[in-house]
Amino acid sequence: MPYSKAYHEQLECWERCHGEPLQLGIMVKTTEECDHDDFNNGIFMVTSLSFDGDEINIGINDDGQIDDFQTAYDGFRINEITLVKTDH
């Protein structure tokens, strides 16, 4: 089933690149490939993961607070964010 295969390939790619799984609650920042100006230069928490064809839609909060699970925007692609190591 290609739908499931693409999902797993992106998750495997993320984990190989960052050393931990893409999952709810991790802290991320936007990359240079991100076109969403409202989210540049900040740290955010992943609040949702959903499927769009063969891609993953990644949702984040808008304030980076670890107790804010409200999704501010849920259209990020895997290449638009990167993992942030935090002390939380």
PDB file of N, CA and C in Angstrom:
ATOM      1  N   MET A   1       0.854  -1.175   0.000  1.00  0.00           N
ATOM      2  CA  MET A   1       0.000   0.000   0.000  1.00  0.00           C
ATOM      3  C   MET A   1       0.898   1.237   0.000  1.00  0.00           C
ATOM      4  N   PRO A   2       0.970   2.008  -1.102  1.00  0.00           N
ATOM      5  CA  PRO A   2       1.891   3.139  -1.212  1.00  0.00           C
ATOM      6  C   PRO A   2       1.657   4.218  -0.171  1.00  0.00           C
ATOM      7  N   TYR A   3       0.418   4.430   0.219  1.00  0.00           N
ATOM      8  CA  TYR A   3       0.099   5.465   1.201  1.00  0.00           C
ATOM      9  C   TYR A   3       0.853   5.213   2.499  1.00  0.00           C
ATOM     10  N   SER A   4       0.771   4.010   2.992  1.00  0.00           N
ATOM     11  CA  SER A   4       1.457   3.647   4.218  1.00  0.00           C
ATOM     12  C   SER A   4       2.971   3.661   4.027  1.00  0.00           C
ATOM     13  N   LYS A   5       3.446   3.204   2.885  1.00  0.00           N
ATOM     14  CA  LYS A   5       4.879   3.149   2.610  1.00  0.00           C
ATOM     15  C   LYS A   5       5.509   4.543   2.653  1.00  0.00           C
ATOM     16  N   ALA A   6       4.872   5.529   2.020  1.00  0.00           N
ATOM     17  CA  ALA A   6       5.403   6.892   2.027  1.00  0.00           C
ATOM     18  C   ALA A   6       5.453   7.443   3.447  1.00  0.00           C
ATOM     19  N   TYR A   7       4.433   7.174   4.208  1.00  0.00           N
ATOM     20  CA  TYR A   7       4.384   7.610   5.599  1.00  0.00           C
ATOM     21  C   TYR A   7       5.575   7.047   6.359  1.00  0.00           C
ATOM     22  N   HIS A   8       5.800   5.771   6.233  1.00  0.00           N
ATOM     23  CA  HIS A   8       6.902   5.146   6.952  1.00  0.00           C
ATOM     24  C   HIS A   8       8.258   5.626   6.441  1.00  0.00           C
ATOM     25  N   GLU A   9       8.387   5.852   5.165  1.00  0.00           N
ATOM     26  CA  GLU A   9       9.657   6.351   4.636  1.00  0.00           C
ATOM     27  C   GLU A   9       9.997   7.711   5.222  1.00  0.00           C
ATOM     28  N   GLN A  10       9.023   8.599   5.346  1.00  0.00           N
ATOM     29  CA  GLN A  10       9.293   9.924   5.907  1.00  0.00           C
ATOM     30  C   GLN A  10       9.635   9.837   7.390  1.00  0.00           C
ATOM     31  N   LEU A  11       8.926   8.989   8.121  1.00  0.00           N
ATOM     32  CA  LEU A  11       9.246   8.823   9.539  1.00  0.00           C
ATOM     33  C   LEU A  11      10.626   8.214   9.729  1.00  0.00           C
ATOM     34  N   GLU A  12      10.960   7.233   8.915  1.00  0.00           N
ATOM     35  CA  GLU A  12      12.288   6.624   8.995  1.00  0.00           C
ATOM     36  C   GLU A  12      13.377   7.632   8.638  1.00  0.00           C
ATOM     37  N   CYS A  13      13.140   8.446   7.633  1.00  0.00           N
ATOM     38  CA  CYS A  13      14.099   9.481   7.232  1.00  0.00           C
ATOM     39  C   CYS A  13      14.323  10.468   8.376  1.00  0.00           C
ATOM     40  N   TRP A  14      13.237  10.924   9.002  1.00  0.00           N
ATOM     41  CA  TRP A  14      13.343  11.857  10.122  1.00  0.00           C
ATOM     42  C   TRP A  14      14.192  11.248  11.236  1.00  0.00           C
ATOM     43  N   GLU A  15      13.888  10.010  11.604  1.00  0.00           N
ATOM     44  CA  GLU A  15      14.601   9.383  12.710  1.00  0.00           C
ATOM     45  C   GLU A  15      16.079   9.155  12.380  1.00  0.00           C
ATOM     46  N   ARG A  16      16.386   8.793  11.152  1.00  0.00           N
ATOM     47  CA  ARG A  16      17.793   8.644  10.744  1.00  0.00           C
ATOM     48  C   ARG A  16      18.531   9.980  10.840  1.00  0.00           C
ATOM     49  N   CYS A  17      17.874  11.053  10.414  1.00  0.00           N
ATOM     50  CA  CYS A  17      18.514  12.378  10.400  1.00  0.00           C
ATOM     51  C   CYS A  17      18.659  12.985  11.785  1.00  0.00           C
ATOM     52  N   HIS A  18      17.670  12.757  12.653  1.00  0.00           N
ATOM     53  CA  HIS A  18      17.628  13.461  13.934  1.00  0.00           C
ATOM     54  C   HIS A  18      17.894  12.587  15.156  1.00  0.00           C
ATOM     55  N   GLY A  19      17.869  11.278  14.977  1.00  0.00           N
ATOM     56  CA  GLY A  19      18.164  10.392  16.089  1.00  0.00           C
ATOM     57  C   GLY A  19      17.015  10.134  17.033  1.00  0.00           C
ATOM     58  N   GLU A  20      15.855  10.676  16.759  1.00  0.00           N
ATOM     59  CA  GLU A  20      14.653  10.379  17.533  1.00  0.00           C
ATOM     60  C   GLU A  20      13.432  10.508  16.634  1.00  0.00           C
ATOM     61  N   PRO A  21      12.341   9.854  17.015  1.00  0.00           N
ATOM     62  CA  PRO A  21      11.174   9.824  16.125  1.00  0.00           C
ATOM     63  C   PRO A  21      10.444  11.163  16.036  1.00  0.00           C
ATOM     64  N   LEU A  22       9.787  11.359  14.896  1.00  0.00           N
ATOM     65  CA  LEU A  22       8.875  12.489  14.722  1.00  0.00           C
ATOM     66  C   LEU A  22       7.591  12.110  15.433  1.00  0.00           C
ATOM     67  N   GLN A  23       7.257  12.831  16.493  1.00  0.00           N
ATOM     68  CA  GLN A  23       6.082  12.501  17.295  1.00  0.00           C
ATOM     69  C   GLN A  23       5.559  13.755  17.985  1.00  0.00           C
ATOM     70  N   LEU A  24       4.361  13.645  18.526  1.00  0.00           N
ATOM     71  CA  LEU A  24       3.769  14.761  19.247  1.00  0.00           C
ATOM     72  C   LEU A  24       4.637  15.122  20.443  1.00  0.00           C
ATOM     73  N   GLY A  25       4.737  16.417  20.713  1.00  0.00           N
ATOM     74  CA  GLY A  25       5.455  16.897  21.881  1.00  0.00           C
ATOM     75  C   GLY A  25       6.911  17.248  21.668  1.00  0.00           C
ATOM     76  N   ILE A  26       7.491  16.907  20.511  1.00  0.00           N
ATOM     77  CA  ILE A  26       8.891  17.284  20.302  1.00  0.00           C
ATOM     78  C   ILE A  26       8.970  18.753  19.902  1.00  0.00           C
ATOM     79  N   MET A  27      10.097  19.357  20.175  1.00  0.00           N
ATOM     80  CA  MET A  27      10.305  20.760  19.851  1.00  0.00           C
ATOM     81  C   MET A  27      11.050  20.863  18.526  1.00  0.00           C
ATOM     82  N   VAL A  28      10.578  21.784  17.670  1.00  0.00           N
ATOM     83  CA  VAL A  28      11.150  21.961  16.337  1.00  0.00           C
ATOM     84  C   VAL A  28      11.318  23.445  16.038  1.00  0.00           C
ATOM     85  N   LYS A  29      12.112  23.717  15.017  1.00  0.00           N
ATOM     86  CA  LYS A  29      12.205  25.072  14.479  1.00  0.00           C
ATOM     87  C   LYS A  29      12.089  24.961  12.970  1.00  0.00           C
ATOM     88  N   THR A  30      11.771  26.076  12.327  1.00  0.00           N
ATOM     89  CA  THR A  30      11.611  26.053  10.878  1.00  0.00           C
ATOM     90  C   THR A  30      12.971  26.084  10.193  1.00  0.00           C
ATOM     91  N   THR A  31      13.009  25.530   8.986  1.00  0.00           N
ATOM     92  CA  THR A  31      14.225  25.531   8.178  1.00  0.00           C
ATOM     93  C   THR A  31      14.141  26.654   7.151  1.00  0.00           C
ATOM     94  N   GLU A  32      15.201  26.826   6.389  1.00  0.00           N
ATOM     95  CA  GLU A  32      15.212  27.832   5.323  1.00  0.00           C
ATOM     96  C   GLU A  32      14.214  27.501   4.223  1.00  0.00           C
ATOM     97  N   GLU A  33      13.786  26.254   4.130  1.00  0.00           N
ATOM     98  CA  GLU A  33      12.822  25.845   3.114  1.00  0.00           C
ATOM     99  C   GLU A  33      11.386  26.217   3.476  1.00  0.00           C
ATOM    100  N   CYS A  34      11.170  26.729   4.670  1.00  0.00           N
ATOM    101  CA  CYS A  34       9.834  27.085   5.133  1.00  0.00           C
ATOM    102  C   CYS A  34       9.415  28.440   4.571  1.00  0.00           C
ATOM    103  N   ASP A  35       8.234  28.467   3.954  1.00  0.00           N
ATOM    104  CA  ASP A  35       7.697  29.706   3.383  1.00  0.00           C
ATOM    105  C   ASP A  35       6.699  30.403   4.303  1.00  0.00           C
ATOM    106  N   HIS A  36       6.483  29.900   5.502  1.00  0.00           N
ATOM    107  CA  HIS A  36       5.492  30.450   6.423  1.00  0.00           C
ATOM    108  C   HIS A  36       6.146  31.520   7.296  1.00  0.00           C
ATOM    109  N   ASP A  37       6.100  32.767   6.859  1.00  0.00           N
ATOM    110  CA  ASP A  37       6.800  33.865   7.537  1.00  0.00           C
ATOM    111  C   ASP A  37       6.429  34.018   9.008  1.00  0.00           C
ATOM    112  N   ASP A  38       5.184  33.714   9.372  1.00  0.00           N
ATOM    113  CA  ASP A  38       4.753  33.867  10.760  1.00  0.00           C
ATOM    114  C   ASP A  38       5.479  32.924  11.715  1.00  0.00           C
ATOM    115  N   PHE A  39       6.116  31.907  11.177  1.00  0.00           N
ATOM    116  CA  PHE A  39       6.756  30.906  12.023  1.00  0.00           C
ATOM    117  C   PHE A  39       8.276  30.880  11.899  1.00  0.00           C
ATOM    118  N   ASN A  40       8.866  31.838  11.232  1.00  0.00           N
ATOM    119  CA  ASN A  40      10.323  31.873  11.094  1.00  0.00           C
ATOM    120  C   ASN A  40      10.988  32.260  12.408  1.00  0.00           C
ATOM    121  N   ASN A  41      12.142  31.669  12.670  1.00  0.00           N
ATOM    122  CA  ASN A  41      12.996  32.024  13.809  1.00  0.00           C
ATOM    123  C   ASN A  41      12.373  31.783  15.171  1.00  0.00           C
ATOM    124  N   GLY A  42      11.532  30.789  15.280  1.00  0.00           N
ATOM    125  CA  GLY A  42      10.959  30.450  16.575  1.00  0.00           C
ATOM    126  C   GLY A  42      11.094  28.971  16.857  1.00  0.00           C
ATOM    127  N   ILE A  43      10.818  28.604  18.094  1.00  0.00           N
ATOM    128  CA  ILE A  43      10.800  27.201  18.494  1.00  0.00           C
ATOM    129  C   ILE A  43       9.357  26.850  18.815  1.00  0.00           C
ATOM    130  N   PHE A  44       8.912  25.725  18.297  1.00  0.00           N
ATOM    131  CA  PHE A  44       7.518  25.321  18.408  1.00  0.00           C
ATOM    132  C   PHE A  44       7.432  23.851  18.791  1.00  0.00           C
ATOM    133  N   MET A  45       6.269  23.446  19.293  1.00  0.00           N
ATOM    134  CA  MET A  45       6.047  22.052  19.643  1.00  0.00           C
ATOM    135  C   MET A  45       5.145  21.405  18.600  1.00  0.00           C
ATOM    136  N   VAL A  46       5.468  20.172  18.215  1.00  0.00           N
ATOM    137  CA  VAL A  46       4.618  19.418  17.299  1.00  0.00           C
ATOM    138  C   VAL A  46       3.352  19.016  18.046  1.00  0.00           C
ATOM    139  N   THR A  47       2.193  19.387  17.478  1.00  0.00           N
ATOM    140  CA  THR A  47       0.906  19.115  18.120  1.00  0.00           C
ATOM    141  C   THR A  47       0.032  18.153  17.340  1.00  0.00           C
ATOM    142  N   SER A  48       0.357  17.905  16.075  1.00  0.00           N
ATOM    143  CA  SER A  48      -0.448  16.964  15.296  1.00  0.00           C
ATOM    144  C   SER A  48       0.345  16.423  14.119  1.00  0.00           C
ATOM    145  N   LEU A  49      -0.011  15.226  13.708  1.00  0.00           N
ATOM    146  CA  LEU A  49       0.540  14.586  12.516  1.00  0.00           C
ATOM    147  C   LEU A  49      -0.635  14.003  11.750  1.00  0.00           C
ATOM    148  N   SER A  50      -0.726  14.301  10.466  1.00  0.00           N
ATOM    149  CA  SER A  50      -1.799  13.754   9.637  1.00  0.00           C
ATOM    150  C   SER A  50      -1.260  13.482   8.245  1.00  0.00           C
ATOM    151  N   PHE A  51      -2.061  12.802   7.440  1.00  0.00           N
ATOM    152  CA  PHE A  51      -1.637  12.397   6.099  1.00  0.00           C
ATOM    153  C   PHE A  51      -2.291  13.247   5.029  1.00  0.00           C
ATOM    154  N   ASP A  52      -1.540  13.525   3.980  1.00  0.00           N
ATOM    155  CA  ASP A  52      -2.033  14.248   2.811  1.00  0.00           C
ATOM    156  C   ASP A  52      -1.417  13.569   1.596  1.00  0.00           C
ATOM    157  N   GLY A  53      -2.126  12.619   1.023  1.00  0.00           N
ATOM    158  CA  GLY A  53      -1.547  11.849  -0.070  1.00  0.00           C
ATOM    159  C   GLY A  53      -0.376  11.044   0.438  1.00  0.00           C
ATOM    160  N   ASP A  54       0.790  11.228  -0.154  1.00  0.00           N
ATOM    161  CA  ASP A  54       1.988  10.497   0.255  1.00  0.00           C
ATOM    162  C   ASP A  54       2.846  11.267   1.246  1.00  0.00           C
ATOM    163  N   GLU A  55       2.381  12.393   1.726  1.00  0.00           N
ATOM    164  CA  GLU A  55       3.165  13.259   2.611  1.00  0.00           C
ATOM    165  C   GLU A  55       2.555  13.293   4.009  1.00  0.00           C
ATOM    166  N   ILE A  56       3.333  13.790   4.953  1.00  0.00           N
ATOM    167  CA  ILE A  56       2.862  14.018   6.313  1.00  0.00           C
ATOM    168  C   ILE A  56       2.627  15.511   6.490  1.00  0.00           C
ATOM    169  N   ASN A  57       1.475  15.868   7.048  1.00  0.00           N
ATOM    170  CA  ASN A  57       1.221  17.240   7.487  1.00  0.00           C
ATOM    171  C   ASN A  57       1.593  17.308   8.957  1.00  0.00           C
ATOM    172  N   ILE A  58       2.415  18.271   9.314  1.00  0.00           N
ATOM    173  CA  ILE A  58       2.876  18.414  10.685  1.00  0.00           C
ATOM    174  C   ILE A  58       2.281  19.690  11.256  1.00  0.00           C
ATOM    175  N   GLY A  59       1.592  19.561  12.380  1.00  0.00           N
ATOM    176  CA  GLY A  59       1.002  20.713  13.047  1.00  0.00           C
ATOM    177  C   GLY A  59       1.864  21.154  14.212  1.00  0.00           C
ATOM    178  N   ILE A  60       1.940  22.471  14.412  1.00  0.00           N
ATOM    179  CA  ILE A  60       2.723  23.017  15.523  1.00  0.00           C
ATOM    180  C   ILE A  60       1.897  24.051  16.277  1.00  0.00           C
ATOM    181  N   ASN A  61       2.283  24.306  17.538  1.00  0.00           N
ATOM    182  CA  ASN A  61       1.667  25.407  18.271  1.00  0.00           C
ATOM    183  C   ASN A  61       2.354  26.702  17.863  1.00  0.00           C
ATOM    184  N   ASP A  62       1.906  27.819  18.394  1.00  0.00           N
ATOM    185  CA  ASP A  62       2.494  29.092  17.953  1.00  0.00           C
ATOM    186  C   ASP A  62       3.357  29.771  19.003  1.00  0.00           C
ATOM    187  N   ASP A  63       3.540  29.125  20.158  1.00  0.00           N
ATOM    188  CA  ASP A  63       4.299  29.796  21.216  1.00  0.00           C
ATOM    189  C   ASP A  63       5.438  28.958  21.793  1.00  0.00           C
ATOM    190  N   GLY A  64       5.557  27.712  21.392  1.00  0.00           N
ATOM    191  CA  GLY A  64       6.639  26.874  21.876  1.00  0.00           C
ATOM    192  C   GLY A  64       6.490  26.386  23.303  1.00  0.00           C
ATOM    193  N   GLN A  65       5.355  26.657  23.931  1.00  0.00           N
ATOM    194  CA  GLN A  65       5.136  26.211  25.303  1.00  0.00           C
ATOM    195  C   GLN A  65       4.848  24.715  25.335  1.00  0.00           C
ATOM    196  N   ILE A  66       5.459  24.010  26.270  1.00  0.00           N
ATOM    197  CA  ILE A  66       5.317  22.557  26.312  1.00  0.00           C
ATOM    198  C   ILE A  66       3.947  22.104  26.815  1.00  0.00           C
ATOM    199  N   ASP A  67       3.139  23.015  27.337  1.00  0.00           N
ATOM    200  CA  ASP A  67       1.795  22.639  27.779  1.00  0.00           C
ATOM    201  C   ASP A  67       0.709  23.180  26.852  1.00  0.00           C
ATOM    202  N   ASP A  68       1.077  23.722  25.699  1.00  0.00           N
ATOM    203  CA  ASP A  68       0.121  24.269  24.730  1.00  0.00           C
ATOM    204  C   ASP A  68      -0.014  23.305  23.558  1.00  0.00           C
ATOM    205  N   PHE A  69      -1.054  22.468  23.609  1.00  0.00           N
ATOM    206  CA  PHE A  69      -1.276  21.486  22.551  1.00  0.00           C
ATOM    207  C   PHE A  69      -2.252  21.983  21.492  1.00  0.00           C
ATOM    208  N   GLN A  70      -2.549  23.277  21.479  1.00  0.00           N
ATOM    209  CA  GLN A  70      -3.430  23.833  20.454  1.00  0.00           C
ATOM    210  C   GLN A  70      -2.627  24.041  19.173  1.00  0.00           C
ATOM    211  N   THR A  71      -3.124  23.468  18.086  1.00  0.00           N
ATOM    212  CA  THR A  71      -2.436  23.576  16.805  1.00  0.00           C
ATOM    213  C   THR A  71      -2.699  24.936  16.185  1.00  0.00           C
ATOM    214  N   ALA A  72      -1.639  25.665  15.881  1.00  0.00           N
ATOM    215  CA  ALA A  72      -1.763  26.972  15.235  1.00  0.00           C
ATOM    216  C   ALA A  72      -1.766  26.825  13.720  1.00  0.00           C
ATOM    217  N   TYR A  73      -0.989  25.890  13.204  1.00  0.00           N
ATOM    218  CA  TYR A  73      -0.926  25.645  11.761  1.00  0.00           C
ATOM    219  C   TYR A  73      -0.534  24.194  11.559  1.00  0.00           C
ATOM    220  N   ASP A  74      -1.232  23.503  10.656  1.00  0.00           N
ATOM    221  CA  ASP A  74      -0.982  22.068  10.501  1.00  0.00           C
ATOM    222  C   ASP A  74      -0.548  21.665   9.099  1.00  0.00           C
ATOM    223  N   GLY A  75       0.063  22.566   8.360  1.00  0.00           N
ATOM    224  CA  GLY A  75       0.468  22.250   7.000  1.00  0.00           C
ATOM    225  C   GLY A  75       1.963  22.180   6.771  1.00  0.00           C
ATOM    226  N   PHE A  76       2.753  22.025   7.821  1.00  0.00           N
ATOM    227  CA  PHE A  76       4.196  21.929   7.628  1.00  0.00           C
ATOM    228  C   PHE A  76       4.559  20.581   7.029  1.00  0.00           C
ATOM    229  N   ARG A  77       5.548  20.596   6.159  1.00  0.00           N
ATOM    230  CA  ARG A  77       6.091  19.373   5.582  1.00  0.00           C
ATOM    231  C   ARG A  77       7.385  19.029   6.298  1.00  0.00           C
ATOM    232  N   ILE A  78       7.801  17.812   6.144  1.00  0.00           N
ATOM    233  CA  ILE A  78       8.956  17.302   6.880  1.00  0.00           C
ATOM    234  C   ILE A  78      10.236  18.091   6.596  1.00  0.00           C
ATOM    235  N   ASN A  79      10.362  18.670   5.407  1.00  0.00           N
ATOM    236  CA  ASN A  79      11.570  19.433   5.067  1.00  0.00           C
ATOM    237  C   ASN A  79      11.525  20.872   5.589  1.00  0.00           C
ATOM    238  N   GLU A  80      10.395  21.308   6.145  1.00  0.00           N
ATOM    239  CA  GLU A  80      10.259  22.690   6.605  1.00  0.00           C
ATOM    240  C   GLU A  80      10.580  22.871   8.084  1.00  0.00           C
ATOM    241  N   ILE A  81      10.815  21.771   8.788  1.00  0.00           N
ATOM    242  CA  ILE A  81      11.145  21.859  10.213  1.00  0.00           C
ATOM    243  C   ILE A  81      12.343  20.972  10.519  1.00  0.00           C
ATOM    244  N   THR A  82      12.978  21.261  11.633  1.00  0.00           N
ATOM    245  CA  THR A  82      14.088  20.437  12.104  1.00  0.00           C
ATOM    246  C   THR A  82      14.006  20.345  13.624  1.00  0.00           C
ATOM    247  N   LEU A  83      14.573  19.316  14.174  1.00  0.00           N
ATOM    248  CA  LEU A  83      14.518  19.056  15.603  1.00  0.00           C
ATOM    249  C   LEU A  83      15.340  20.076  16.383  1.00  0.00           C
ATOM    250  N   VAL A  84      14.826  20.463  17.544  1.00  0.00           N
ATOM    251  CA  VAL A  84      15.541  21.340  18.467  1.00  0.00           C
ATOM    252  C   VAL A  84      15.762  20.557  19.751  1.00  0.00           C
ATOM    253  N   LYS A  85      16.977  20.490  20.199  1.00  0.00           N
ATOM    254  CA  LYS A  85      17.273  19.854  21.489  1.00  0.00           C
ATOM    255  C   LYS A  85      16.999  20.879  22.584  1.00  0.00           C
ATOM    256  N   THR A  86      16.177  20.499  23.562  1.00  0.00           N
ATOM    257  CA  THR A  86      15.840  21.406  24.658  1.00  0.00           C
ATOM    258  C   THR A  86      16.074  20.715  25.990  1.00  0.00           C
ATOM    259  N   ASP A  87      15.982  21.491  27.055  1.00  0.00           N
ATOM    260  CA  ASP A  87      16.135  20.953  28.408  1.00  0.00           C
ATOM    261  C   ASP A  87      14.801  20.590  29.030  1.00  0.00           C
ATOM    262  N   HIS A  88      13.683  20.703  28.267  1.00  0.00           N
ATOM    263  CA  HIS A  88      12.346  20.434  28.816  1.00  0.00           C
ATOM    264  C   HIS A  88      12.186  18.987  29.144  1.00  0.00           C
TER     265      HIS A  88
END
